[in-house]
Amino acid sequence: WGGTPSGGDDEIGFSITQTSDDGF
């Protein structure tokens, strides 16, 4: 992912979980 809703371009992920619909 590049770019943000506010137009920036720095992204950091802290956590993730799998959901019951097989997504994340």
PDBML (XML) file of the C-alpha atoms, coordinates in Angstrom:
<?xml version="1.0" encoding="UTF-8" ?>
<PDBx:datablock datablockName="MODEL"
   xmlns:PDBx="http://pdbml.pdb.org/schema/pdbx-v50.xsd"
   xmlns:xsi="http://www.w3.org/2001/XMLSchema-instance"
   xsi:schemaLocation="http://pdbml.pdb.org/schema/pdbx-v50.xsd pdbx-v50.xsd">
   <PDBx:atom_siteCategory>
      <PDBx:atom_site id="1">
         <PDBx:B_iso_or_equiv>0.00</PDBx:B_iso_or_equiv>
         <PDBx:Cartn_x>0.000</PDBx:Cartn_x>
         <PDBx:Cartn_y>0.000</PDBx:Cartn_y>
         <PDBx:Cartn_z>0.000</PDBx:Cartn_z>
         <PDBx:auth_asym_id>A</PDBx:auth_asym_id>
         <PDBx:auth_atom_id>CA</PDBx:auth_atom_id>
         <PDBx:auth_comp_id>TRP</PDBx:auth_comp_id>
         <PDBx:auth_seq_id>1</PDBx:auth_seq_id>
         <PDBx:group_PDB>ATOM</PDBx:group_PDB>
         <PDBx:label_alt_id xsi:nil="true" />
         <PDBx:label_asym_id>A</PDBx:label_asym_id>
         <PDBx:label_atom_id>CA</PDBx:label_atom_id>
         <PDBx:label_comp_id>TRP</PDBx:label_comp_id>
         <PDBx:label_entity_id>1</PDBx:label_entity_id>
         <PDBx:label_seq_id>1</PDBx:label_seq_id>
         <PDBx:occupancy>1.00</PDBx:occupancy>
         <PDBx:pdbx_PDB_model_num>1</PDBx:pdbx_PDB_model_num>
         <PDBx:type_symbol>C</PDBx:type_symbol>
      </PDBx:atom_site>
      <PDBx:atom_site id="2">
         <PDBx:B_iso_or_equiv>0.00</PDBx:B_iso_or_equiv>
         <PDBx:Cartn_x>1.294</PDBx:Cartn_x>
         <PDBx:Cartn_y>3.421</PDBx:Cartn_y>
         <PDBx:Cartn_z>-0.953</PDBx:Cartn_z>
         <PDBx:auth_asym_id>A</PDBx:auth_asym_id>
         <PDBx:auth_atom_id>CA</PDBx:auth_atom_id>
         <PDBx:auth_comp_id>GLY</PDBx:auth_comp_id>
         <PDBx:auth_seq_id>2</PDBx:auth_seq_id>
         <PDBx:group_PDB>ATOM</PDBx:group_PDB>
         <PDBx:label_alt_id xsi:nil="true" />
         <PDBx:label_asym_id>A</PDBx:label_asym_id>
         <PDBx:label_atom_id>CA</PDBx:label_atom_id>
         <PDBx:label_comp_id>GLY</PDBx:label_comp_id>
         <PDBx:label_entity_id>1</PDBx:label_entity_id>
         <PDBx:label_seq_id>2</PDBx:label_seq_id>
         <PDBx:occupancy>1.00</PDBx:occupancy>
         <PDBx:pdbx_PDB_model_num>1</PDBx:pdbx_PDB_model_num>
         <PDBx:type_symbol>C</PDBx:type_symbol>
      </PDBx:atom_site>
      <PDBx:atom_site id="3">
         <PDBx:B_iso_or_equiv>0.00</PDBx:B_iso_or_equiv>
         <PDBx:Cartn_x>-0.458</PDBx:Cartn_x>
         <PDBx:Cartn_y>6.707</PDBx:Cartn_y>
         <PDBx:Cartn_z>-0.323</PDBx:Cartn_z>
         <PDBx:auth_asym_id>A</PDBx:auth_asym_id>
         <PDBx:auth_atom_id>CA</PDBx:auth_atom_id>
         <PDBx:auth_comp_id>GLY</PDBx:auth_comp_id>
         <PDBx:auth_seq_id>3</PDBx:auth_seq_id>
         <PDBx:group_PDB>ATOM</PDBx:group_PDB>
         <PDBx:label_alt_id xsi:nil="true" />
         <PDBx:label_asym_id>A</PDBx:label_asym_id>
         <PDBx:label_atom_id>CA</PDBx:label_atom_id>
         <PDBx:label_comp_id>GLY</PDBx:label_comp_id>
         <PDBx:label_entity_id>1</PDBx:label_entity_id>
         <PDBx:label_seq_id>3</PDBx:label_seq_id>
         <PDBx:occupancy>1.00</PDBx:occupancy>
         <PDBx:pdbx_PDB_model_num>1</PDBx:pdbx_PDB_model_num>
         <PDBx:type_symbol>C</PDBx:type_symbol>
      </PDBx:atom_site>
      <PDBx:atom_site id="4">
         <PDBx:B_iso_or_equiv>0.00</PDBx:B_iso_or_equiv>
         <PDBx:Cartn_x>-3.024</PDBx:Cartn_x>
         <PDBx:Cartn_y>7.379</PDBx:Cartn_y>
         <PDBx:Cartn_z>2.367</PDBx:Cartn_z>
         <PDBx:auth_asym_id>A</PDBx:auth_asym_id>
         <PDBx:auth_atom_id>CA</PDBx:auth_atom_id>
         <PDBx:auth_comp_id>THR</PDBx:auth_comp_id>
         <PDBx:auth_seq_id>4</PDBx:auth_seq_id>
         <PDBx:group_PDB>ATOM</PDBx:group_PDB>
         <PDBx:label_alt_id xsi:nil="true" />
         <PDBx:label_asym_id>A</PDBx:label_asym_id>
         <PDBx:label_atom_id>CA</PDBx:label_atom_id>
         <PDBx:label_comp_id>THR</PDBx:label_comp_id>
         <PDBx:label_entity_id>1</PDBx:label_entity_id>
         <PDBx:label_seq_id>4</PDBx:label_seq_id>
         <PDBx:occupancy>1.00</PDBx:occupancy>
         <PDBx:pdbx_PDB_model_num>1</PDBx:pdbx_PDB_model_num>
         <PDBx:type_symbol>C</PDBx:type_symbol>
      </PDBx:atom_site>
      <PDBx:atom_site id="5">
         <PDBx:B_iso_or_equiv>0.00</PDBx:B_iso_or_equiv>
         <PDBx:Cartn_x>-6.540</PDBx:Cartn_x>
         <PDBx:Cartn_y>8.785</PDBx:Cartn_y>
         <PDBx:Cartn_z>2.685</PDBx:Cartn_z>
         <PDBx:auth_asym_id>A</PDBx:auth_asym_id>
         <PDBx:auth_atom_id>CA</PDBx:auth_atom_id>
         <PDBx:auth_comp_id>PRO</PDBx:auth_comp_id>
         <PDBx:auth_seq_id>5</PDBx:auth_seq_id>
         <PDBx:group_PDB>ATOM</PDBx:group_PDB>
         <PDBx:label_alt_id xsi:nil="true" />
         <PDBx:label_asym_id>A</PDBx:label_asym_id>
         <PDBx:label_atom_id>CA</PDBx:label_atom_id>
         <PDBx:label_comp_id>PRO</PDBx:label_comp_id>
         <PDBx:label_entity_id>1</PDBx:label_entity_id>
         <PDBx:label_seq_id>5</PDBx:label_seq_id>
         <PDBx:occupancy>1.00</PDBx:occupancy>
         <PDBx:pdbx_PDB_model_num>1</PDBx:pdbx_PDB_model_num>
         <PDBx:type_symbol>C</PDBx:type_symbol>
      </PDBx:atom_site>
      <PDBx:atom_site id="6">
         <PDBx:B_iso_or_equiv>0.00</PDBx:B_iso_or_equiv>
         <PDBx:Cartn_x>-4.950</PDBx:Cartn_x>
         <PDBx:Cartn_y>12.157</PDBx:Cartn_y>
         <PDBx:Cartn_z>3.507</PDBx:Cartn_z>
         <PDBx:auth_asym_id>A</PDBx:auth_asym_id>
         <PDBx:auth_atom_id>CA</PDBx:auth_atom_id>
         <PDBx:auth_comp_id>SER</PDBx:auth_comp_id>
         <PDBx:auth_seq_id>6</PDBx:auth_seq_id>
         <PDBx:group_PDB>ATOM</PDBx:group_PDB>
         <PDBx:label_alt_id xsi:nil="true" />
         <PDBx:label_asym_id>A</PDBx:label_asym_id>
         <PDBx:label_atom_id>CA</PDBx:label_atom_id>
         <PDBx:label_comp_id>SER</PDBx:label_comp_id>
         <PDBx:label_entity_id>1</PDBx:label_entity_id>
         <PDBx:label_seq_id>6</PDBx:label_seq_id>
         <PDBx:occupancy>1.00</PDBx:occupancy>
         <PDBx:pdbx_PDB_model_num>1</PDBx:pdbx_PDB_model_num>
         <PDBx:type_symbol>C</PDBx:type_symbol>
      </PDBx:atom_site>
      <PDBx:atom_site id="7">
         <PDBx:B_iso_or_equiv>0.00</PDBx:B_iso_or_equiv>
         <PDBx:Cartn_x>-2.423</PDBx:Cartn_x>
         <PDBx:Cartn_y>12.025</PDBx:Cartn_y>
         <PDBx:Cartn_z>0.683</PDBx:Cartn_z>
         <PDBx:auth_asym_id>A</PDBx:auth_asym_id>
         <PDBx:auth_atom_id>CA</PDBx:auth_atom_id>
         <PDBx:auth_comp_id>GLY</PDBx:auth_comp_id>
         <PDBx:auth_seq_id>7</PDBx:auth_seq_id>
         <PDBx:group_PDB>ATOM</PDBx:group_PDB>
         <PDBx:label_alt_id xsi:nil="true" />
         <PDBx:label_asym_id>A</PDBx:label_asym_id>
         <PDBx:label_atom_id>CA</PDBx:label_atom_id>
         <PDBx:label_comp_id>GLY</PDBx:label_comp_id>
         <PDBx:label_entity_id>1</PDBx:label_entity_id>
         <PDBx:label_seq_id>7</PDBx:label_seq_id>
         <PDBx:occupancy>1.00</PDBx:occupancy>
         <PDBx:pdbx_PDB_model_num>1</PDBx:pdbx_PDB_model_num>
         <PDBx:type_symbol>C</PDBx:type_symbol>
      </PDBx:atom_site>
      <PDBx:atom_site id="8">
         <PDBx:B_iso_or_equiv>0.00</PDBx:B_iso_or_equiv>
         <PDBx:Cartn_x>0.695</PDBx:Cartn_x>
         <PDBx:Cartn_y>10.973</PDBx:Cartn_y>
         <PDBx:Cartn_z>2.611</PDBx:Cartn_z>
         <PDBx:auth_asym_id>A</PDBx:auth_asym_id>
         <PDBx:auth_atom_id>CA</PDBx:auth_atom_id>
         <PDBx:auth_comp_id>GLY</PDBx:auth_comp_id>
         <PDBx:auth_seq_id>8</PDBx:auth_seq_id>
         <PDBx:group_PDB>ATOM</PDBx:group_PDB>
         <PDBx:label_alt_id xsi:nil="true" />
         <PDBx:label_asym_id>A</PDBx:label_asym_id>
         <PDBx:label_atom_id>CA</PDBx:label_atom_id>
         <PDBx:label_comp_id>GLY</PDBx:label_comp_id>
         <PDBx:label_entity_id>1</PDBx:label_entity_id>
         <PDBx:label_seq_id>8</PDBx:label_seq_id>
         <PDBx:occupancy>1.00</PDBx:occupancy>
         <PDBx:pdbx_PDB_model_num>1</PDBx:pdbx_PDB_model_num>
         <PDBx:type_symbol>C</PDBx:type_symbol>
      </PDBx:atom_site>
      <PDBx:atom_site id="9">
         <PDBx:B_iso_or_equiv>0.00</PDBx:B_iso_or_equiv>
         <PDBx:Cartn_x>2.943</PDBx:Cartn_x>
         <PDBx:Cartn_y>8.083</PDBx:Cartn_y>
         <PDBx:Cartn_z>1.779</PDBx:Cartn_z>
         <PDBx:auth_asym_id>A</PDBx:auth_asym_id>
         <PDBx:auth_atom_id>CA</PDBx:auth_atom_id>
         <PDBx:auth_comp_id>ASP</PDBx:auth_comp_id>
         <PDBx:auth_seq_id>9</PDBx:auth_seq_id>
         <PDBx:group_PDB>ATOM</PDBx:group_PDB>
         <PDBx:label_alt_id xsi:nil="true" />
         <PDBx:label_asym_id>A</PDBx:label_asym_id>
         <PDBx:label_atom_id>CA</PDBx:label_atom_id>
         <PDBx:label_comp_id>ASP</PDBx:label_comp_id>
         <PDBx:label_entity_id>1</PDBx:label_entity_id>
         <PDBx:label_seq_id>9</PDBx:label_seq_id>
         <PDBx:occupancy>1.00</PDBx:occupancy>
         <PDBx:pdbx_PDB_model_num>1</PDBx:pdbx_PDB_model_num>
         <PDBx:type_symbol>C</PDBx:type_symbol>
      </PDBx:atom_site>
      <PDBx:atom_site id="10">
         <PDBx:B_iso_or_equiv>0.00</PDBx:B_iso_or_equiv>
         <PDBx:Cartn_x>4.285</PDBx:Cartn_x>
         <PDBx:Cartn_y>6.565</PDBx:Cartn_y>
         <PDBx:Cartn_z>5.037</PDBx:Cartn_z>
         <PDBx:auth_asym_id>A</PDBx:auth_asym_id>
         <PDBx:auth_atom_id>CA</PDBx:auth_atom_id>
         <PDBx:auth_comp_id>ASP</PDBx:auth_comp_id>
         <PDBx:auth_seq_id>10</PDBx:auth_seq_id>
         <PDBx:group_PDB>ATOM</PDBx:group_PDB>
         <PDBx:label_alt_id xsi:nil="true" />
         <PDBx:label_asym_id>A</PDBx:label_asym_id>
         <PDBx:label_atom_id>CA</PDBx:label_atom_id>
         <PDBx:label_comp_id>ASP</PDBx:label_comp_id>
         <PDBx:label_entity_id>1</PDBx:label_entity_id>
         <PDBx:label_seq_id>10</PDBx:label_seq_id>
         <PDBx:occupancy>1.00</PDBx:occupancy>
         <PDBx:pdbx_PDB_model_num>1</PDBx:pdbx_PDB_model_num>
         <PDBx:type_symbol>C</PDBx:type_symbol>
      </PDBx:atom_site>
      <PDBx:atom_site id="11">
         <PDBx:B_iso_or_equiv>0.00</PDBx:B_iso_or_equiv>
         <PDBx:Cartn_x>2.643</PDBx:Cartn_x>
         <PDBx:Cartn_y>3.316</PDBx:Cartn_y>
         <PDBx:Cartn_z>6.153</PDBx:Cartn_z>
         <PDBx:auth_asym_id>A</PDBx:auth_asym_id>
         <PDBx:auth_atom_id>CA</PDBx:auth_atom_id>
         <PDBx:auth_comp_id>GLU</PDBx:auth_comp_id>
         <PDBx:auth_seq_id>11</PDBx:auth_seq_id>
         <PDBx:group_PDB>ATOM</PDBx:group_PDB>
         <PDBx:label_alt_id xsi:nil="true" />
         <PDBx:label_asym_id>A</PDBx:label_asym_id>
         <PDBx:label_atom_id>CA</PDBx:label_atom_id>
         <PDBx:label_comp_id>GLU</PDBx:label_comp_id>
         <PDBx:label_entity_id>1</PDBx:label_entity_id>
         <PDBx:label_seq_id>11</PDBx:label_seq_id>
         <PDBx:occupancy>1.00</PDBx:occupancy>
         <PDBx:pdbx_PDB_model_num>1</PDBx:pdbx_PDB_model_num>
         <PDBx:type_symbol>C</PDBx:type_symbol>
      </PDBx:atom_site>
      <PDBx:atom_site id="12">
         <PDBx:B_iso_or_equiv>0.00</PDBx:B_iso_or_equiv>
         <PDBx:Cartn_x>3.506</PDBx:Cartn_x>
         <PDBx:Cartn_y>1.072</PDBx:Cartn_y>
         <PDBx:Cartn_z>9.103</PDBx:Cartn_z>
         <PDBx:auth_asym_id>A</PDBx:auth_asym_id>
         <PDBx:auth_atom_id>CA</PDBx:auth_atom_id>
         <PDBx:auth_comp_id>ILE</PDBx:auth_comp_id>
         <PDBx:auth_seq_id>12</PDBx:auth_seq_id>
         <PDBx:group_PDB>ATOM</PDBx:group_PDB>
         <PDBx:label_alt_id xsi:nil="true" />
         <PDBx:label_asym_id>A</PDBx:label_asym_id>
         <PDBx:label_atom_id>CA</PDBx:label_atom_id>
         <PDBx:label_comp_id>ILE</PDBx:label_comp_id>
         <PDBx:label_entity_id>1</PDBx:label_entity_id>
         <PDBx:label_seq_id>12</PDBx:label_seq_id>
         <PDBx:occupancy>1.00</PDBx:occupancy>
         <PDBx:pdbx_PDB_model_num>1</PDBx:pdbx_PDB_model_num>
         <PDBx:type_symbol>C</PDBx:type_symbol>
      </PDBx:atom_site>
      <PDBx:atom_site id="13">
         <PDBx:B_iso_or_equiv>0.00</PDBx:B_iso_or_equiv>
         <PDBx:Cartn_x>1.709</PDBx:Cartn_x>
         <PDBx:Cartn_y>-2.144</PDBx:Cartn_y>
         <PDBx:Cartn_z>10.087</PDBx:Cartn_z>
         <PDBx:auth_asym_id>A</PDBx:auth_asym_id>
         <PDBx:auth_atom_id>CA</PDBx:auth_atom_id>
         <PDBx:auth_comp_id>GLY</PDBx:auth_comp_id>
         <PDBx:auth_seq_id>13</PDBx:auth_seq_id>
         <PDBx:group_PDB>ATOM</PDBx:group_PDB>
         <PDBx:label_alt_id xsi:nil="true" />
         <PDBx:label_asym_id>A</PDBx:label_asym_id>
         <PDBx:label_atom_id>CA</PDBx:label_atom_id>
         <PDBx:label_comp_id>GLY</PDBx:label_comp_id>
         <PDBx:label_entity_id>1</PDBx:label_entity_id>
         <PDBx:label_seq_id>13</PDBx:label_seq_id>
         <PDBx:occupancy>1.00</PDBx:occupancy>
         <PDBx:pdbx_PDB_model_num>1</PDBx:pdbx_PDB_model_num>
         <PDBx:type_symbol>C</PDBx:type_symbol>
      </PDBx:atom_site>
      <PDBx:atom_site id="14">
         <PDBx:B_iso_or_equiv>0.00</PDBx:B_iso_or_equiv>
         <PDBx:Cartn_x>1.542</PDBx:Cartn_x>
         <PDBx:Cartn_y>-3.051</PDBx:Cartn_y>
         <PDBx:Cartn_z>13.792</PDBx:Cartn_z>
         <PDBx:auth_asym_id>A</PDBx:auth_asym_id>
         <PDBx:auth_atom_id>CA</PDBx:auth_atom_id>
         <PDBx:auth_comp_id>PHE</PDBx:auth_comp_id>
         <PDBx:auth_seq_id>14</PDBx:auth_seq_id>
         <PDBx:group_PDB>ATOM</PDBx:group_PDB>
         <PDBx:label_alt_id xsi:nil="true" />
         <PDBx:label_asym_id>A</PDBx:label_asym_id>
         <PDBx:label_atom_id>CA</PDBx:label_atom_id>
         <PDBx:label_comp_id>PHE</PDBx:label_comp_id>
         <PDBx:label_entity_id>1</PDBx:label_entity_id>
         <PDBx:label_seq_id>14</PDBx:label_seq_id>
         <PDBx:occupancy>1.00</PDBx:occupancy>
         <PDBx:pdbx_PDB_model_num>1</PDBx:pdbx_PDB_model_num>
         <PDBx:type_symbol>C</PDBx:type_symbol>
      </PDBx:atom_site>
      <PDBx:atom_site id="15">
         <PDBx:B_iso_or_equiv>0.00</PDBx:B_iso_or_equiv>
         <PDBx:Cartn_x>-0.815</PDBx:Cartn_x>
         <PDBx:Cartn_y>-6.042</PDBx:Cartn_y>
         <PDBx:Cartn_z>13.997</PDBx:Cartn_z>
         <PDBx:auth_asym_id>A</PDBx:auth_asym_id>
         <PDBx:auth_atom_id>CA</PDBx:auth_atom_id>
         <PDBx:auth_comp_id>SER</PDBx:auth_comp_id>
         <PDBx:auth_seq_id>15</PDBx:auth_seq_id>
         <PDBx:group_PDB>ATOM</PDBx:group_PDB>
         <PDBx:label_alt_id xsi:nil="true" />
         <PDBx:label_asym_id>A</PDBx:label_asym_id>
         <PDBx:label_atom_id>CA</PDBx:label_atom_id>
         <PDBx:label_comp_id>SER</PDBx:label_comp_id>
         <PDBx:label_entity_id>1</PDBx:label_entity_id>
         <PDBx:label_seq_id>15</PDBx:label_seq_id>
         <PDBx:occupancy>1.00</PDBx:occupancy>
         <PDBx:pdbx_PDB_model_num>1</PDBx:pdbx_PDB_model_num>
         <PDBx:type_symbol>C</PDBx:type_symbol>
      </PDBx:atom_site>
      <PDBx:atom_site id="16">
         <PDBx:B_iso_or_equiv>0.00</PDBx:B_iso_or_equiv>
         <PDBx:Cartn_x>-2.865</PDBx:Cartn_x>
         <PDBx:Cartn_y>-8.463</PDBx:Cartn_y>
         <PDBx:Cartn_z>11.931</PDBx:Cartn_z>
         <PDBx:auth_asym_id>A</PDBx:auth_asym_id>
         <PDBx:auth_atom_id>CA</PDBx:auth_atom_id>
         <PDBx:auth_comp_id>ILE</PDBx:auth_comp_id>
         <PDBx:auth_seq_id>16</PDBx:auth_seq_id>
         <PDBx:group_PDB>ATOM</PDBx:group_PDB>
         <PDBx:label_alt_id xsi:nil="true" />
         <PDBx:label_asym_id>A</PDBx:label_asym_id>
         <PDBx:label_atom_id>CA</PDBx:label_atom_id>
         <PDBx:label_comp_id>ILE</PDBx:label_comp_id>
         <PDBx:label_entity_id>1</PDBx:label_entity_id>
         <PDBx:label_seq_id>16</PDBx:label_seq_id>
         <PDBx:occupancy>1.00</PDBx:occupancy>
         <PDBx:pdbx_PDB_model_num>1</PDBx:pdbx_PDB_model_num>
         <PDBx:type_symbol>C</PDBx:type_symbol>
      </PDBx:atom_site>
      <PDBx:atom_site id="17">
         <PDBx:B_iso_or_equiv>0.00</PDBx:B_iso_or_equiv>
         <PDBx:Cartn_x>-5.525</PDBx:Cartn_x>
         <PDBx:Cartn_y>-11.099</PDBx:Cartn_y>
         <PDBx:Cartn_z>12.531</PDBx:Cartn_z>
         <PDBx:auth_asym_id>A</PDBx:auth_asym_id>
         <PDBx:auth_atom_id>CA</PDBx:auth_atom_id>
         <PDBx:auth_comp_id>THR</PDBx:auth_comp_id>
         <PDBx:auth_seq_id>17</PDBx:auth_seq_id>
         <PDBx:group_PDB>ATOM</PDBx:group_PDB>
         <PDBx:label_alt_id xsi:nil="true" />
         <PDBx:label_asym_id>A</PDBx:label_asym_id>
         <PDBx:label_atom_id>CA</PDBx:label_atom_id>
         <PDBx:label_comp_id>THR</PDBx:label_comp_id>
         <PDBx:label_entity_id>1</PDBx:label_entity_id>
         <PDBx:label_seq_id>17</PDBx:label_seq_id>
         <PDBx:occupancy>1.00</PDBx:occupancy>
         <PDBx:pdbx_PDB_model_num>1</PDBx:pdbx_PDB_model_num>
         <PDBx:type_symbol>C</PDBx:type_symbol>
      </PDBx:atom_site>
      <PDBx:atom_site id="18">
         <PDBx:B_iso_or_equiv>0.00</PDBx:B_iso_or_equiv>
         <PDBx:Cartn_x>-7.391</PDBx:Cartn_x>
         <PDBx:Cartn_y>-13.464</PDBx:Cartn_y>
         <PDBx:Cartn_z>10.233</PDBx:Cartn_z>
         <PDBx:auth_asym_id>A</PDBx:auth_asym_id>
         <PDBx:auth_atom_id>CA</PDBx:auth_atom_id>
         <PDBx:auth_comp_id>GLN</PDBx:auth_comp_id>
         <PDBx:auth_seq_id>18</PDBx:auth_seq_id>
         <PDBx:group_PDB>ATOM</PDBx:group_PDB>
         <PDBx:label_alt_id xsi:nil="true" />
         <PDBx:label_asym_id>A</PDBx:label_asym_id>
         <PDBx:label_atom_id>CA</PDBx:label_atom_id>
         <PDBx:label_comp_id>GLN</PDBx:label_comp_id>
         <PDBx:label_entity_id>1</PDBx:label_entity_id>
         <PDBx:label_seq_id>18</PDBx:label_seq_id>
         <PDBx:occupancy>1.00</PDBx:occupancy>
         <PDBx:pdbx_PDB_model_num>1</PDBx:pdbx_PDB_model_num>
         <PDBx:type_symbol>C</PDBx:type_symbol>
      </PDBx:atom_site>
      <PDBx:atom_site id="19">
         <PDBx:B_iso_or_equiv>0.00</PDBx:B_iso_or_equiv>
         <PDBx:Cartn_x>-11.149</PDBx:Cartn_x>
         <PDBx:Cartn_y>-12.924</PDBx:Cartn_y>
         <PDBx:Cartn_z>10.177</PDBx:Cartn_z>
         <PDBx:auth_asym_id>A</PDBx:auth_asym_id>
         <PDBx:auth_atom_id>CA</PDBx:auth_atom_id>
         <PDBx:auth_comp_id>THR</PDBx:auth_comp_id>
         <PDBx:auth_seq_id>19</PDBx:auth_seq_id>
         <PDBx:group_PDB>ATOM</PDBx:group_PDB>
         <PDBx:label_alt_id xsi:nil="true" />
         <PDBx:label_asym_id>A</PDBx:label_asym_id>
         <PDBx:label_atom_id>CA</PDBx:label_atom_id>
         <PDBx:label_comp_id>THR</PDBx:label_comp_id>
         <PDBx:label_entity_id>1</PDBx:label_entity_id>
         <PDBx:label_seq_id>19</PDBx:label_seq_id>
         <PDBx:occupancy>1.00</PDBx:occupancy>
         <PDBx:pdbx_PDB_model_num>1</PDBx:pdbx_PDB_model_num>
         <PDBx:type_symbol>C</PDBx:type_symbol>
      </PDBx:atom_site>
      <PDBx:atom_site id="20">
         <PDBx:B_iso_or_equiv>0.00</PDBx:B_iso_or_equiv>
         <PDBx:Cartn_x>-14.010</PDBx:Cartn_x>
         <PDBx:Cartn_y>-15.405</PDBx:Cartn_y>
         <PDBx:Cartn_z>10.052</PDBx:Cartn_z>
         <PDBx:auth_asym_id>A</PDBx:auth_asym_id>
         <PDBx:auth_atom_id>CA</PDBx:auth_atom_id>
         <PDBx:auth_comp_id>SER</PDBx:auth_comp_id>
         <PDBx:auth_seq_id>20</PDBx:auth_seq_id>
         <PDBx:group_PDB>ATOM</PDBx:group_PDB>
         <PDBx:label_alt_id xsi:nil="true" />
         <PDBx:label_asym_id>A</PDBx:label_asym_id>
         <PDBx:label_atom_id>CA</PDBx:label_atom_id>
         <PDBx:label_comp_id>SER</PDBx:label_comp_id>
         <PDBx:label_entity_id>1</PDBx:label_entity_id>
         <PDBx:label_seq_id>20</PDBx:label_seq_id>
         <PDBx:occupancy>1.00</PDBx:occupancy>
         <PDBx:pdbx_PDB_model_num>1</PDBx:pdbx_PDB_model_num>
         <PDBx:type_symbol>C</PDBx:type_symbol>
      </PDBx:atom_site>
      <PDBx:atom_site id="21">
         <PDBx:B_iso_or_equiv>0.00</PDBx:B_iso_or_equiv>
         <PDBx:Cartn_x>-14.672</PDBx:Cartn_x>
         <PDBx:Cartn_y>-14.611</PDBx:Cartn_y>
         <PDBx:Cartn_z>6.366</PDBx:Cartn_z>
         <PDBx:auth_asym_id>A</PDBx:auth_asym_id>
         <PDBx:auth_atom_id>CA</PDBx:auth_atom_id>
         <PDBx:auth_comp_id>ASP</PDBx:auth_comp_id>
         <PDBx:auth_seq_id>21</PDBx:auth_seq_id>
         <PDBx:group_PDB>ATOM</PDBx:group_PDB>
         <PDBx:label_alt_id xsi:nil="true" />
         <PDBx:label_asym_id>A</PDBx:label_asym_id>
         <PDBx:label_atom_id>CA</PDBx:label_atom_id>
         <PDBx:label_comp_id>ASP</PDBx:label_comp_id>
         <PDBx:label_entity_id>1</PDBx:label_entity_id>
         <PDBx:label_seq_id>21</PDBx:label_seq_id>
         <PDBx:occupancy>1.00</PDBx:occupancy>
         <PDBx:pdbx_PDB_model_num>1</PDBx:pdbx_PDB_model_num>
         <PDBx:type_symbol>C</PDBx:type_symbol>
      </PDBx:atom_site>
      <PDBx:atom_site id="22">
         <PDBx:B_iso_or_equiv>0.00</PDBx:B_iso_or_equiv>
         <PDBx:Cartn_x>-11.121</PDBx:Cartn_x>
         <PDBx:Cartn_y>-15.809</PDBx:Cartn_y>
         <PDBx:Cartn_z>5.588</PDBx:Cartn_z>
         <PDBx:auth_asym_id>A</PDBx:auth_asym_id>
         <PDBx:auth_atom_id>CA</PDBx:auth_atom_id>
         <PDBx:auth_comp_id>ASP</PDBx:auth_comp_id>
         <PDBx:auth_seq_id>22</PDBx:auth_seq_id>
         <PDBx:group_PDB>ATOM</PDBx:group_PDB>
         <PDBx:label_alt_id xsi:nil="true" />
         <PDBx:label_asym_id>A</PDBx:label_asym_id>
         <PDBx:label_atom_id>CA</PDBx:label_atom_id>
         <PDBx:label_comp_id>ASP</PDBx:label_comp_id>
         <PDBx:label_entity_id>1</PDBx:label_entity_id>
         <PDBx:label_seq_id>22</PDBx:label_seq_id>
         <PDBx:occupancy>1.00</PDBx:occupancy>
         <PDBx:pdbx_PDB_model_num>1</PDBx:pdbx_PDB_model_num>
         <PDBx:type_symbol>C</PDBx:type_symbol>
      </PDBx:atom_site>
      <PDBx:atom_site id="23">
         <PDBx:B_iso_or_equiv>0.00</PDBx:B_iso_or_equiv>
         <PDBx:Cartn_x>-9.869</PDBx:Cartn_x>
         <PDBx:Cartn_y>-12.260</PDBx:Cartn_y>
         <PDBx:Cartn_z>5.135</PDBx:Cartn_z>
         <PDBx:auth_asym_id>A</PDBx:auth_asym_id>
         <PDBx:auth_atom_id>CA</PDBx:auth_atom_id>
         <PDBx:auth_comp_id>GLY</PDBx:auth_comp_id>
         <PDBx:auth_seq_id>23</PDBx:auth_seq_id>
         <PDBx:group_PDB>ATOM</PDBx:group_PDB>
         <PDBx:label_alt_id xsi:nil="true" />
         <PDBx:label_asym_id>A</PDBx:label_asym_id>
         <PDBx:label_atom_id>CA</PDBx:label_atom_id>
         <PDBx:label_comp_id>GLY</PDBx:label_comp_id>
         <PDBx:label_entity_id>1</PDBx:label_entity_id>
         <PDBx:label_seq_id>23</PDBx:label_seq_id>
         <PDBx:occupancy>1.00</PDBx:occupancy>
         <PDBx:pdbx_PDB_model_num>1</PDBx:pdbx_PDB_model_num>
         <PDBx:type_symbol>C</PDBx:type_symbol>
      </PDBx:atom_site>
      <PDBx:atom_site id="24">
         <PDBx:B_iso_or_equiv>0.00</PDBx:B_iso_or_equiv>
         <PDBx:Cartn_x>-7.544</PDBx:Cartn_x>
         <PDBx:Cartn_y>-10.203</PDBx:Cartn_y>
         <PDBx:Cartn_z>7.330</PDBx:Cartn_z>
         <PDBx:auth_asym_id>A</PDBx:auth_asym_id>
         <PDBx:auth_atom_id>CA</PDBx:auth_atom_id>
         <PDBx:auth_comp_id>PHE</PDBx:auth_comp_id>
         <PDBx:auth_seq_id>24</PDBx:auth_seq_id>
         <PDBx:group_PDB>ATOM</PDBx:group_PDB>
         <PDBx:label_alt_id xsi:nil="true" />
         <PDBx:label_asym_id>A</PDBx:label_asym_id>
         <PDBx:label_atom_id>CA</PDBx:label_atom_id>
         <PDBx:label_comp_id>PHE</PDBx:label_comp_id>
         <PDBx:label_entity_id>1</PDBx:label_entity_id>
         <PDBx:label_seq_id>24</PDBx:label_seq_id>
         <PDBx:occupancy>1.00</PDBx:occupancy>
         <PDBx:pdbx_PDB_model_num>1</PDBx:pdbx_PDB_model_num>
         <PDBx:type_symbol>C</PDBx:type_symbol>
      </PDBx:atom_site>
   </PDBx:atom_siteCategory>
</PDBx:datablock>
